[in-house]
Amino acid sequence: MDNQEELEFIRKVLDGEHAAYAFLVDRYKGMAFSIAVKILGNEEDAQDVAQEGFIKAYQQLHQFEGKSKFSTWLYTIVYRTALAKAKEAKVKTFSITQQFKETFTDDYSTPQLKLMQADDEQRSVNQAVNKLSKTDALIVILYYIDDNSIREIRQITGMSAANIKIRLFRARKKLERELKFLLDDNTSESKAYGKQGR
């Protein structure tokens, strides 16, 4: 769905075709949930916040001016709604997408990585991301998974562009170190298992 299609659906909703909003919900519900769960650390609360964010966006749709992408506007609402309800909680594992795996692992490919099975690779990336702080993990999700620009992340979170860039840089370095450790560990386990099997 490109920007023009989105604007067409928004126009339909504003013209009274409320069912058209379902297309926008289906398009962005996954990322809205990911944002909420990273802030709240609780899947049930995150579902409620994501739903509340969509309701607020629906009620405020007439205020959307189209100066930014609809997703940026929506994620800002979800982010602020989640912050308002945030409690101290441990970040739970989110399901990494193929897009993130391709984006990150291509940048930091290693011989060990190429030897791993897809499920081991995904689990290792999950473990590494979940060692980041909530804020850093959220920025990584927005940037690498949902392909938001620094400017768009700034609009969503209210952080400065410089702060976002620094957090992304540090998160990438930490992920690289964590993945190397995990991959080395997995390779060692595989070698040990191979010796036992002989």
N, C-alpha and C. Protein backbone atom coordinates (compact mmCIF):
# COMPACT_ATOMS: atom_id res chain seq x y z
N MET A 1 0.85 -1.19 0.00
CA MET A 1 0.00 0.00 0.00
C MET A 1 0.89 1.25 0.00
N ASP A 2 0.80 2.08 -1.04
CA ASP A 2 1.61 3.28 -1.08
C ASP A 2 0.86 4.43 -0.43
N ASN A 3 1.52 5.60 -0.39
CA ASN A 3 0.96 6.75 0.31
C ASN A 3 -0.36 7.20 -0.29
N GLN A 4 -0.47 7.13 -1.62
CA GLN A 4 -1.70 7.56 -2.27
C GLN A 4 -2.87 6.65 -1.92
N GLU A 5 -2.59 5.34 -1.85
CA GLU A 5 -3.64 4.40 -1.46
C GLU A 5 -4.09 4.65 -0.03
N GLU A 6 -3.14 4.93 0.84
CA GLU A 6 -3.47 5.22 2.23
C GLU A 6 -4.38 6.46 2.31
N LEU A 7 -3.98 7.49 1.59
CA LEU A 7 -4.78 8.73 1.61
C LEU A 7 -6.18 8.48 1.07
N GLU A 8 -6.30 7.57 0.11
CA GLU A 8 -7.61 7.24 -0.43
C GLU A 8 -8.47 6.53 0.62
N PHE A 9 -7.87 5.61 1.36
CA PHE A 9 -8.61 4.93 2.43
C PHE A 9 -9.02 5.92 3.51
N ILE A 10 -8.11 6.84 3.85
CA ILE A 10 -8.43 7.85 4.86
C ILE A 10 -9.57 8.73 4.39
N ARG A 11 -9.54 9.09 3.10
CA ARG A 11 -10.63 9.91 2.56
C ARG A 11 -11.96 9.19 2.66
N LYS A 12 -11.94 7.88 2.36
CA LYS A 12 -13.17 7.09 2.43
C LYS A 12 -13.73 7.05 3.85
N VAL A 13 -12.81 6.88 4.81
CA VAL A 13 -13.25 6.85 6.22
C VAL A 13 -13.88 8.18 6.59
N LEU A 14 -13.21 9.25 6.23
CA LEU A 14 -13.72 10.58 6.55
C LEU A 14 -15.04 10.88 5.84
N ASP A 15 -15.25 10.22 4.71
CA ASP A 15 -16.51 10.40 3.96
C ASP A 15 -17.62 9.49 4.47
N GLY A 16 -17.32 8.74 5.51
CA GLY A 16 -18.36 7.91 6.12
C GLY A 16 -18.25 6.43 5.87
N GLU A 17 -17.28 6.00 5.05
CA GLU A 17 -17.08 4.57 4.80
C GLU A 17 -16.17 4.00 5.89
N HIS A 18 -16.76 3.81 7.06
CA HIS A 18 -15.97 3.43 8.23
C HIS A 18 -15.28 2.07 8.08
N ALA A 19 -15.84 1.20 7.26
CA ALA A 19 -15.25 -0.12 7.07
C ALA A 19 -13.86 -0.02 6.43
N ALA A 20 -13.59 1.07 5.73
CA ALA A 20 -12.29 1.25 5.08
C ALA A 20 -11.16 1.34 6.10
N TYR A 21 -11.50 1.69 7.34
CA TYR A 21 -10.47 1.82 8.38
C TYR A 21 -9.84 0.47 8.70
N ALA A 22 -10.59 -0.61 8.45
CA ALA A 22 -10.08 -1.96 8.71
C ALA A 22 -8.81 -2.25 7.91
N PHE A 23 -8.71 -1.68 6.71
CA PHE A 23 -7.51 -1.89 5.89
C PHE A 23 -6.29 -1.26 6.55
N LEU A 24 -6.47 -0.09 7.15
CA LEU A 24 -5.36 0.57 7.83
C LEU A 24 -4.98 -0.18 9.10
N VAL A 25 -5.97 -0.69 9.81
CA VAL A 25 -5.70 -1.47 11.02
C VAL A 25 -4.90 -2.72 10.68
N ASP A 26 -5.33 -3.44 9.65
CA ASP A 26 -4.62 -4.66 9.24
C ASP A 26 -3.19 -4.36 8.83
N ARG A 27 -3.01 -3.23 8.19
CA ARG A 27 -1.68 -2.86 7.70
C ARG A 27 -0.68 -2.59 8.83
N TYR A 28 -1.15 -1.96 9.90
CA TYR A 28 -0.23 -1.46 10.91
C TYR A 28 -0.40 -2.07 12.31
N LYS A 29 -1.28 -3.03 12.47
CA LYS A 29 -1.52 -3.58 13.80
C LYS A 29 -0.29 -4.29 14.37
N GLY A 30 0.47 -4.95 13.50
CA GLY A 30 1.66 -5.67 13.97
C GLY A 30 2.70 -4.74 14.58
N MET A 31 3.02 -3.67 13.87
CA MET A 31 4.03 -2.75 14.37
C MET A 31 3.50 -1.95 15.56
N ALA A 32 2.22 -1.61 15.56
CA ALA A 32 1.63 -0.90 16.70
C ALA A 32 1.77 -1.76 17.97
N PHE A 33 1.53 -3.05 17.82
CA PHE A 33 1.67 -3.96 18.95
C PHE A 33 3.14 -4.05 19.39
N SER A 34 4.06 -4.14 18.43
CA SER A 34 5.49 -4.24 18.75
C SER A 34 5.96 -3.02 19.53
N ILE A 35 5.51 -1.84 19.14
CA ILE A 35 5.88 -0.62 19.85
C ILE A 35 5.36 -0.67 21.28
N ALA A 36 4.09 -1.04 21.43
CA ALA A 36 3.48 -1.09 22.76
C ALA A 36 4.13 -2.13 23.66
N VAL A 37 4.42 -3.30 23.11
CA VAL A 37 4.99 -4.37 23.95
C VAL A 37 6.41 -4.04 24.38
N LYS A 38 7.14 -3.31 23.57
CA LYS A 38 8.50 -2.92 23.94
C LYS A 38 8.48 -1.92 25.08
N ILE A 39 7.47 -1.10 25.15
CA ILE A 39 7.37 -0.10 26.20
C ILE A 39 6.79 -0.71 27.47
N LEU A 40 5.76 -1.54 27.32
CA LEU A 40 5.05 -2.08 28.47
C LEU A 40 5.61 -3.40 28.98
N GLY A 41 6.19 -4.19 28.08
CA GLY A 41 6.74 -5.48 28.47
C GLY A 41 5.68 -6.51 28.80
N ASN A 42 4.45 -6.24 28.44
CA ASN A 42 3.35 -7.14 28.75
C ASN A 42 2.46 -7.24 27.52
N GLU A 43 2.28 -8.44 27.00
CA GLU A 43 1.55 -8.60 25.74
C GLU A 43 0.08 -8.24 25.86
N GLU A 44 -0.53 -8.58 26.99
CA GLU A 44 -1.95 -8.28 27.16
C GLU A 44 -2.17 -6.77 27.21
N ASP A 45 -1.33 -6.07 27.99
CA ASP A 45 -1.44 -4.61 28.06
C ASP A 45 -1.12 -3.99 26.70
N ALA A 46 -0.16 -4.57 26.00
CA ALA A 46 0.23 -4.04 24.69
C ALA A 46 -0.92 -4.15 23.70
N GLN A 47 -1.65 -5.27 23.74
CA GLN A 47 -2.82 -5.43 22.87
C GLN A 47 -3.84 -4.33 23.15
N ASP A 48 -4.07 -4.07 24.44
CA ASP A 48 -5.04 -3.04 24.82
C ASP A 48 -4.60 -1.66 24.35
N VAL A 49 -3.30 -1.38 24.51
CA VAL A 49 -2.77 -0.07 24.12
C VAL A 49 -2.81 0.09 22.60
N ALA A 50 -2.46 -0.96 21.88
CA ALA A 50 -2.51 -0.88 20.41
C ALA A 50 -3.93 -0.62 19.95
N GLN A 51 -4.88 -1.32 20.55
CA GLN A 51 -6.28 -1.12 20.19
C GLN A 51 -6.72 0.30 20.53
N GLU A 52 -6.33 0.76 21.71
CA GLU A 52 -6.68 2.12 22.12
C GLU A 52 -6.07 3.15 21.18
N GLY A 53 -4.84 2.87 20.72
CA GLY A 53 -4.18 3.77 19.79
C GLY A 53 -4.93 3.88 18.48
N PHE A 54 -5.43 2.74 17.98
CA PHE A 54 -6.21 2.76 16.74
C PHE A 54 -7.53 3.51 16.92
N ILE A 55 -8.13 3.34 18.09
CA ILE A 55 -9.39 4.05 18.37
C ILE A 55 -9.14 5.56 18.41
N LYS A 56 -8.07 5.96 19.09
CA LYS A 56 -7.74 7.39 19.15
C LYS A 56 -7.45 7.94 17.76
N ALA A 57 -6.69 7.16 16.97
CA ALA A 57 -6.37 7.61 15.61
C ALA A 57 -7.65 7.77 14.79
N TYR A 58 -8.57 6.83 14.96
CA TYR A 58 -9.84 6.89 14.24
C TYR A 58 -10.61 8.15 14.64
N GLN A 59 -10.64 8.42 15.94
CA GLN A 59 -11.38 9.59 16.44
C GLN A 59 -10.73 10.90 16.02
N GLN A 60 -9.41 10.86 15.83
CA GLN A 60 -8.68 12.09 15.48
C GLN A 60 -8.28 12.15 14.01
N LEU A 61 -8.83 11.25 13.22
CA LEU A 61 -8.40 11.14 11.82
C LEU A 61 -8.57 12.44 11.05
N HIS A 62 -9.56 13.22 11.43
CA HIS A 62 -9.79 14.50 10.74
C HIS A 62 -8.64 15.48 10.98
N GLN A 63 -7.81 15.18 12.01
CA GLN A 63 -6.68 16.07 12.31
C GLN A 63 -5.42 15.69 11.52
N PHE A 64 -5.46 14.50 10.89
CA PHE A 64 -4.30 14.08 10.10
C PHE A 64 -4.20 14.92 8.84
N GLU A 65 -3.07 15.62 8.70
CA GLU A 65 -2.91 16.57 7.60
C GLU A 65 -2.14 16.01 6.42
N GLY A 66 -1.58 14.81 6.58
CA GLY A 66 -0.84 14.21 5.48
C GLY A 66 0.56 14.76 5.28
N LYS A 67 1.05 15.54 6.26
CA LYS A 67 2.40 16.09 6.13
C LYS A 67 3.46 15.02 6.39
N SER A 68 3.09 14.02 7.15
CA SER A 68 3.97 12.87 7.38
C SER A 68 3.22 11.63 6.91
N LYS A 69 3.89 10.47 6.97
CA LYS A 69 3.20 9.23 6.62
C LYS A 69 2.14 8.94 7.67
N PHE A 70 1.07 8.28 7.27
CA PHE A 70 0.04 7.91 8.23
C PHE A 70 0.62 7.03 9.33
N SER A 71 1.53 6.12 8.96
CA SER A 71 2.12 5.22 9.95
C SER A 71 2.88 6.00 11.02
N THR A 72 3.60 7.04 10.62
CA THR A 72 4.34 7.86 11.58
C THR A 72 3.38 8.52 12.55
N TRP A 73 2.31 9.06 12.03
CA TRP A 73 1.28 9.73 12.85
C TRP A 73 0.65 8.72 13.81
N LEU A 74 0.31 7.55 13.30
CA LEU A 74 -0.32 6.51 14.11
C LEU A 74 0.63 6.02 15.20
N TYR A 75 1.88 5.73 14.83
CA TYR A 75 2.84 5.21 15.81
C TYR A 75 3.11 6.21 16.93
N THR A 76 3.04 7.50 16.59
CA THR A 76 3.20 8.54 17.61
C THR A 76 2.09 8.43 18.64
N ILE A 77 0.87 8.21 18.17
CA ILE A 77 -0.28 8.06 19.08
C ILE A 77 -0.12 6.81 19.94
N VAL A 78 0.27 5.71 19.32
CA VAL A 78 0.46 4.45 20.06
C VAL A 78 1.59 4.60 21.07
N TYR A 79 2.68 5.22 20.66
CA TYR A 79 3.84 5.42 21.54
C TYR A 79 3.44 6.24 22.77
N ARG A 80 2.76 7.32 22.55
CA ARG A 80 2.38 8.19 23.67
C ARG A 80 1.33 7.52 24.57
N THR A 81 0.43 6.75 23.95
CA THR A 81 -0.56 6.01 24.73
C THR A 81 0.12 4.97 25.61
N ALA A 82 1.12 4.29 25.05
CA ALA A 82 1.85 3.27 25.81
C ALA A 82 2.65 3.90 26.94
N LEU A 83 3.29 5.03 26.68
CA LEU A 83 4.06 5.72 27.71
C LEU A 83 3.17 6.12 28.87
N ALA A 84 1.96 6.56 28.56
CA ALA A 84 1.02 7.00 29.60
C ALA A 84 0.63 5.84 30.50
N LYS A 85 0.66 4.62 29.96
CA LYS A 85 0.26 3.45 30.73
C LYS A 85 1.43 2.58 31.16
N ALA A 86 2.61 3.05 30.85
CA ALA A 86 3.80 2.20 31.09
C ALA A 86 4.03 1.93 32.57
N LYS A 87 4.41 0.70 32.85
CA LYS A 87 4.84 0.29 34.18
C LYS A 87 6.17 -0.41 34.02
N GLU A 88 6.92 -0.48 35.11
CA GLU A 88 8.21 -1.16 35.02
C GLU A 88 7.96 -2.65 34.79
N ALA A 89 8.46 -3.12 33.69
CA ALA A 89 8.27 -4.53 33.34
C ALA A 89 9.43 -4.98 32.47
N LYS A 90 9.65 -6.25 32.47
CA LYS A 90 10.73 -6.81 31.68
C LYS A 90 10.29 -6.94 30.23
N VAL A 91 11.19 -6.56 29.33
CA VAL A 91 10.88 -6.68 27.92
C VAL A 91 10.75 -8.15 27.55
N LYS A 92 9.66 -8.48 26.87
CA LYS A 92 9.45 -9.86 26.44
C LYS A 92 9.93 -10.05 25.00
N THR A 93 10.18 -11.27 24.69
CA THR A 93 10.68 -11.59 23.36
C THR A 93 9.64 -11.26 22.30
N PHE A 94 10.09 -10.58 21.26
CA PHE A 94 9.20 -10.37 20.13
C PHE A 94 9.69 -11.23 18.98
N SER A 95 8.78 -11.53 18.11
CA SER A 95 9.13 -12.38 16.98
C SER A 95 9.80 -11.54 15.91
N ILE A 96 11.06 -11.83 15.65
CA ILE A 96 11.83 -11.06 14.67
C ILE A 96 11.32 -11.38 13.27
N THR A 97 11.36 -10.41 12.39
CA THR A 97 10.88 -10.63 11.04
C THR A 97 12.04 -10.91 10.09
N GLN A 98 11.71 -11.49 8.97
CA GLN A 98 12.73 -11.79 7.97
C GLN A 98 13.42 -10.52 7.50
N GLN A 99 12.65 -9.41 7.47
CA GLN A 99 13.24 -8.15 7.00
C GLN A 99 14.38 -7.73 7.91
N PHE A 100 14.19 -7.85 9.23
CA PHE A 100 15.25 -7.46 10.15
C PHE A 100 16.45 -8.37 9.99
N LYS A 101 16.20 -9.68 9.86
CA LYS A 101 17.29 -10.62 9.70
C LYS A 101 18.12 -10.27 8.48
N GLU A 102 17.45 -9.94 7.37
CA GLU A 102 18.17 -9.61 6.15
C GLU A 102 18.93 -8.30 6.31
N THR A 103 18.32 -7.31 6.96
CA THR A 103 18.94 -6.00 7.11
C THR A 103 20.16 -6.06 8.00
N PHE A 104 20.02 -6.75 9.13
CA PHE A 104 21.11 -6.73 10.09
C PHE A 104 22.18 -7.76 9.78
N THR A 105 21.77 -9.01 9.53
CA THR A 105 22.76 -10.06 9.37
C THR A 105 23.57 -9.91 8.08
N ASP A 106 23.01 -9.23 7.08
CA ASP A 106 23.80 -8.98 5.87
C ASP A 106 24.94 -8.03 6.17
N ASP A 107 24.70 -7.07 7.10
CA ASP A 107 25.73 -6.11 7.46
C ASP A 107 26.83 -6.77 8.29
N TYR A 108 26.44 -7.74 9.09
CA TYR A 108 27.39 -8.36 10.00
C TYR A 108 27.44 -9.87 9.77
N SER A 109 27.59 -10.26 8.53
CA SER A 109 27.64 -11.69 8.22
C SER A 109 28.96 -12.27 8.67
N THR A 110 28.91 -13.48 9.20
CA THR A 110 30.10 -14.18 9.62
C THR A 110 30.01 -15.60 9.11
N PRO A 111 31.15 -16.31 9.02
CA PRO A 111 31.09 -17.71 8.59
C PRO A 111 30.18 -18.55 9.47
N GLN A 112 30.21 -18.27 10.79
CA GLN A 112 29.36 -19.04 11.70
C GLN A 112 27.89 -18.83 11.39
N LEU A 113 27.53 -17.58 11.08
CA LEU A 113 26.13 -17.26 10.81
C LEU A 113 25.60 -18.06 9.63
N LYS A 114 26.43 -18.22 8.62
CA LYS A 114 26.00 -18.93 7.42
C LYS A 114 25.77 -20.41 7.69
N LEU A 115 26.40 -20.92 8.76
CA LEU A 115 26.27 -22.33 9.08
C LEU A 115 25.03 -22.61 9.93
N MET A 116 24.45 -21.56 10.50
CA MET A 116 23.33 -21.78 11.42
C MET A 116 22.04 -22.07 10.68
N GLN A 117 21.16 -22.81 11.32
CA GLN A 117 19.82 -23.04 10.78
C GLN A 117 19.01 -21.77 11.00
N ALA A 118 17.94 -21.60 10.22
CA ALA A 118 17.13 -20.38 10.29
C ALA A 118 16.54 -20.16 11.69
N ASP A 119 16.09 -21.22 12.33
CA ASP A 119 15.48 -21.04 13.64
C ASP A 119 16.51 -20.66 14.69
N ASP A 120 17.72 -21.22 14.59
CA ASP A 120 18.79 -20.85 15.52
C ASP A 120 19.18 -19.39 15.33
N GLU A 121 19.23 -18.97 14.07
CA GLU A 121 19.57 -17.58 13.75
C GLU A 121 18.54 -16.63 14.33
N GLN A 122 17.27 -16.96 14.14
CA GLN A 122 16.21 -16.09 14.64
C GLN A 122 16.23 -16.01 16.16
N ARG A 123 16.44 -17.15 16.81
CA ARG A 123 16.47 -17.17 18.27
C ARG A 123 17.64 -16.34 18.79
N SER A 124 18.78 -16.44 18.13
CA SER A 124 19.97 -15.69 18.55
C SER A 124 19.74 -14.19 18.42
N VAL A 125 19.12 -13.77 17.32
CA VAL A 125 18.84 -12.34 17.12
C VAL A 125 17.84 -11.86 18.16
N ASN A 126 16.82 -12.69 18.44
CA ASN A 126 15.84 -12.34 19.48
C ASN A 126 16.53 -12.11 20.82
N GLN A 127 17.41 -13.02 21.18
CA GLN A 127 18.11 -12.93 22.46
C GLN A 127 18.95 -11.67 22.52
N ALA A 128 19.61 -11.36 21.43
CA ALA A 128 20.47 -10.17 21.39
C ALA A 128 19.65 -8.89 21.52
N VAL A 129 18.55 -8.80 20.78
CA VAL A 129 17.72 -7.59 20.82
C VAL A 129 17.12 -7.40 22.20
N ASN A 130 16.74 -8.49 22.85
CA ASN A 130 16.10 -8.39 24.15
C ASN A 130 17.07 -8.04 25.28
N LYS A 131 18.37 -7.98 24.96
CA LYS A 131 19.35 -7.51 25.93
C LYS A 131 19.52 -6.00 25.85
N LEU A 132 18.92 -5.39 24.84
CA LEU A 132 18.96 -3.93 24.73
C LEU A 132 17.97 -3.32 25.72
N SER A 133 18.14 -2.05 26.01
CA SER A 133 17.15 -1.35 26.84
C SER A 133 15.85 -1.25 26.05
N LYS A 134 14.76 -0.98 26.75
CA LYS A 134 13.46 -0.86 26.08
C LYS A 134 13.50 0.19 24.97
N THR A 135 14.10 1.34 25.28
CA THR A 135 14.14 2.43 24.31
C THR A 135 14.98 2.06 23.09
N ASP A 136 16.16 1.48 23.34
CA ASP A 136 17.02 1.09 22.22
C ASP A 136 16.37 0.01 21.37
N ALA A 137 15.73 -0.96 22.01
CA ALA A 137 15.05 -2.03 21.28
C ALA A 137 13.94 -1.44 20.41
N LEU A 138 13.20 -0.48 20.94
CA LEU A 138 12.13 0.15 20.19
C LEU A 138 12.67 0.88 18.97
N ILE A 139 13.75 1.62 19.15
CA ILE A 139 14.35 2.36 18.04
C ILE A 139 14.85 1.39 16.97
N VAL A 140 15.46 0.28 17.39
CA VAL A 140 15.93 -0.73 16.44
C VAL A 140 14.76 -1.28 15.64
N ILE A 141 13.64 -1.56 16.31
CA ILE A 141 12.44 -2.07 15.64
C ILE A 141 11.94 -1.07 14.61
N LEU A 142 11.80 0.18 15.04
CA LEU A 142 11.28 1.21 14.14
C LEU A 142 12.19 1.42 12.93
N TYR A 143 13.51 1.38 13.15
CA TYR A 143 14.45 1.68 12.08
C TYR A 143 14.69 0.49 11.15
N TYR A 144 14.95 -0.68 11.73
CA TYR A 144 15.33 -1.83 10.91
C TYR A 144 14.14 -2.66 10.43
N ILE A 145 13.13 -2.83 11.28
CA ILE A 145 12.00 -3.67 10.87
C ILE A 145 10.99 -2.87 10.07
N ASP A 146 10.63 -1.69 10.58
CA ASP A 146 9.56 -0.93 9.91
C ASP A 146 10.09 0.11 8.94
N ASP A 147 11.42 0.23 8.83
CA ASP A 147 12.05 1.09 7.83
C ASP A 147 11.66 2.56 7.98
N ASN A 148 11.55 3.02 9.24
CA ASN A 148 11.30 4.44 9.48
C ASN A 148 12.61 5.21 9.40
N SER A 149 12.54 6.44 8.95
CA SER A 149 13.73 7.29 8.88
C SER A 149 14.01 7.87 10.27
N ILE A 150 15.19 8.46 10.43
CA ILE A 150 15.54 9.12 11.69
C ILE A 150 14.52 10.22 11.98
N ARG A 151 14.15 10.94 10.96
CA ARG A 151 13.17 12.03 11.12
C ARG A 151 11.83 11.50 11.61
N GLU A 152 11.40 10.37 11.05
CA GLU A 152 10.12 9.80 11.44
C GLU A 152 10.18 9.25 12.87
N ILE A 153 11.30 8.64 13.24
CA ILE A 153 11.45 8.15 14.61
C ILE A 153 11.44 9.32 15.59
N ARG A 154 12.05 10.43 15.17
CA ARG A 154 12.04 11.63 16.01
C ARG A 154 10.62 12.13 16.24
N GLN A 155 9.80 12.08 15.18
CA GLN A 155 8.41 12.50 15.30
C GLN A 155 7.63 11.57 16.24
N ILE A 156 7.90 10.28 16.14
CA ILE A 156 7.18 9.29 16.94
C ILE A 156 7.56 9.38 18.42
N THR A 157 8.87 9.45 18.70
CA THR A 157 9.34 9.36 20.08
C THR A 157 9.57 10.70 20.76
N GLY A 158 9.77 11.75 19.96
CA GLY A 158 10.07 13.05 20.54
C GLY A 158 11.54 13.22 20.89
N MET A 159 12.37 12.21 20.62
CA MET A 159 13.80 12.30 20.88
C MET A 159 14.48 13.14 19.79
N SER A 160 15.65 13.65 20.13
CA SER A 160 16.40 14.42 19.13
C SER A 160 17.00 13.46 18.11
N ALA A 161 17.26 13.96 16.91
CA ALA A 161 17.86 13.14 15.86
C ALA A 161 19.24 12.65 16.30
N ALA A 162 19.99 13.51 16.98
CA ALA A 162 21.33 13.12 17.43
C ALA A 162 21.25 11.97 18.43
N ASN A 163 20.30 12.05 19.35
CA ASN A 163 20.13 11.00 20.35
C ASN A 163 19.76 9.68 19.70
N ILE A 164 18.87 9.74 18.72
CA ILE A 164 18.45 8.53 18.00
C ILE A 164 19.63 7.90 17.27
N LYS A 165 20.44 8.73 16.60
CA LYS A 165 21.59 8.22 15.86
C LYS A 165 22.60 7.56 16.80
N ILE A 166 22.83 8.20 17.95
CA ILE A 166 23.77 7.64 18.93
C ILE A 166 23.25 6.31 19.46
N ARG A 167 21.95 6.26 19.78
CA ARG A 167 21.35 5.02 20.29
C ARG A 167 21.40 3.91 19.24
N LEU A 168 21.15 4.25 17.99
CA LEU A 168 21.22 3.25 16.92
C LEU A 168 22.64 2.72 16.76
N PHE A 169 23.61 3.62 16.80
CA PHE A 169 25.00 3.22 16.65
C PHE A 169 25.41 2.28 17.77
N ARG A 170 25.09 2.66 19.01
CA ARG A 170 25.45 1.83 20.16
C ARG A 170 24.71 0.50 20.14
N ALA A 171 23.43 0.54 19.72
CA ALA A 171 22.64 -0.69 19.67
C ALA A 171 23.21 -1.65 18.62
N ARG A 172 23.62 -1.13 17.48
CA ARG A 172 24.21 -1.96 16.43
C ARG A 172 25.49 -2.62 16.92
N LYS A 173 26.32 -1.84 17.63
CA LYS A 173 27.57 -2.39 18.15
C LYS A 173 27.29 -3.47 19.19
N LYS A 174 26.32 -3.21 20.06
CA LYS A 174 25.98 -4.19 21.08
C LYS A 174 25.40 -5.45 20.45
N LEU A 175 24.55 -5.28 19.46
CA LEU A 175 23.97 -6.43 18.77
C LEU A 175 25.05 -7.24 18.07
N GLU A 176 26.00 -6.53 17.48
CA GLU A 176 27.10 -7.22 16.79
C GLU A 176 27.88 -8.08 17.79
N ARG A 177 28.19 -7.48 18.95
CA ARG A 177 28.94 -8.23 19.98
C ARG A 177 28.12 -9.41 20.50
N GLU A 178 26.83 -9.16 20.78
CA GLU A 178 25.98 -10.22 21.31
C GLU A 178 25.81 -11.35 20.30
N LEU A 179 25.61 -10.99 19.05
CA LEU A 179 25.42 -12.01 18.01
C LEU A 179 26.70 -12.82 17.82
N LYS A 180 27.84 -12.16 17.87
CA LYS A 180 29.10 -12.89 17.72
C LYS A 180 29.27 -13.87 18.87
N PHE A 181 28.94 -13.43 20.08
CA PHE A 181 29.04 -14.31 21.24
C PHE A 181 28.07 -15.49 21.11
N LEU A 182 26.84 -15.18 20.73
CA LEU A 182 25.83 -16.23 20.60
C LEU A 182 26.18 -17.21 19.49
N LEU A 183 26.66 -16.66 18.38
CA LEU A 183 27.00 -17.51 17.25
C LEU A 183 28.21 -18.39 17.56
N ASP A 184 29.21 -17.80 18.23
CA ASP A 184 30.36 -18.59 18.64
C ASP A 184 29.95 -19.69 19.60
N ASP A 185 29.02 -19.34 20.51
CA ASP A 185 28.54 -20.29 21.50
C ASP A 185 27.79 -21.43 20.82
N ASN A 186 26.94 -21.07 19.86
CA ASN A 186 26.17 -22.08 19.14
C ASN A 186 27.09 -23.00 18.33
N THR A 187 28.12 -22.41 17.74
CA THR A 187 29.06 -23.20 16.95
C THR A 187 29.81 -24.18 17.85
N SER A 188 30.19 -23.70 19.05
CA SER A 188 30.88 -24.58 19.99
C SER A 188 29.99 -25.74 20.41
N GLU A 189 28.71 -25.42 20.64
CA GLU A 189 27.77 -26.47 21.03
C GLU A 189 27.62 -27.50 19.91
N SER A 190 27.57 -27.01 18.66
CA SER A 190 27.41 -27.90 17.52
C SER A 190 28.63 -28.81 17.40
N LYS A 191 29.83 -28.26 17.62
CA LYS A 191 31.05 -29.05 17.53
C LYS A 191 31.07 -30.12 18.63
N ALA A 192 30.66 -29.70 19.83
CA ALA A 192 30.63 -30.63 20.96
C ALA A 192 29.66 -31.76 20.70
N TYR A 193 28.51 -31.39 20.15
CA TYR A 193 27.48 -32.40 19.85
C TYR A 193 28.00 -33.36 18.78
N GLY A 194 28.74 -32.79 17.81
CA GLY A 194 29.26 -33.63 16.72
C GLY A 194 30.27 -34.64 17.24
N LYS A 195 31.09 -34.19 18.21
CA LYS A 195 32.08 -35.11 18.79
C LYS A 195 31.41 -36.23 19.56
N GLN A 196 30.32 -35.85 20.29
CA GLN A 196 29.61 -36.86 21.08
C GLN A 196 28.95 -37.90 20.17
N GLY A 197 28.56 -37.44 19.00
CA GLY A 197 27.84 -38.32 18.09
C GLY A 197 28.76 -39.31 17.39
N ARG A 198 30.07 -39.05 17.48
CA ARG A 198 31.02 -39.93 16.79
C ARG A 198 31.22 -41.24 17.55
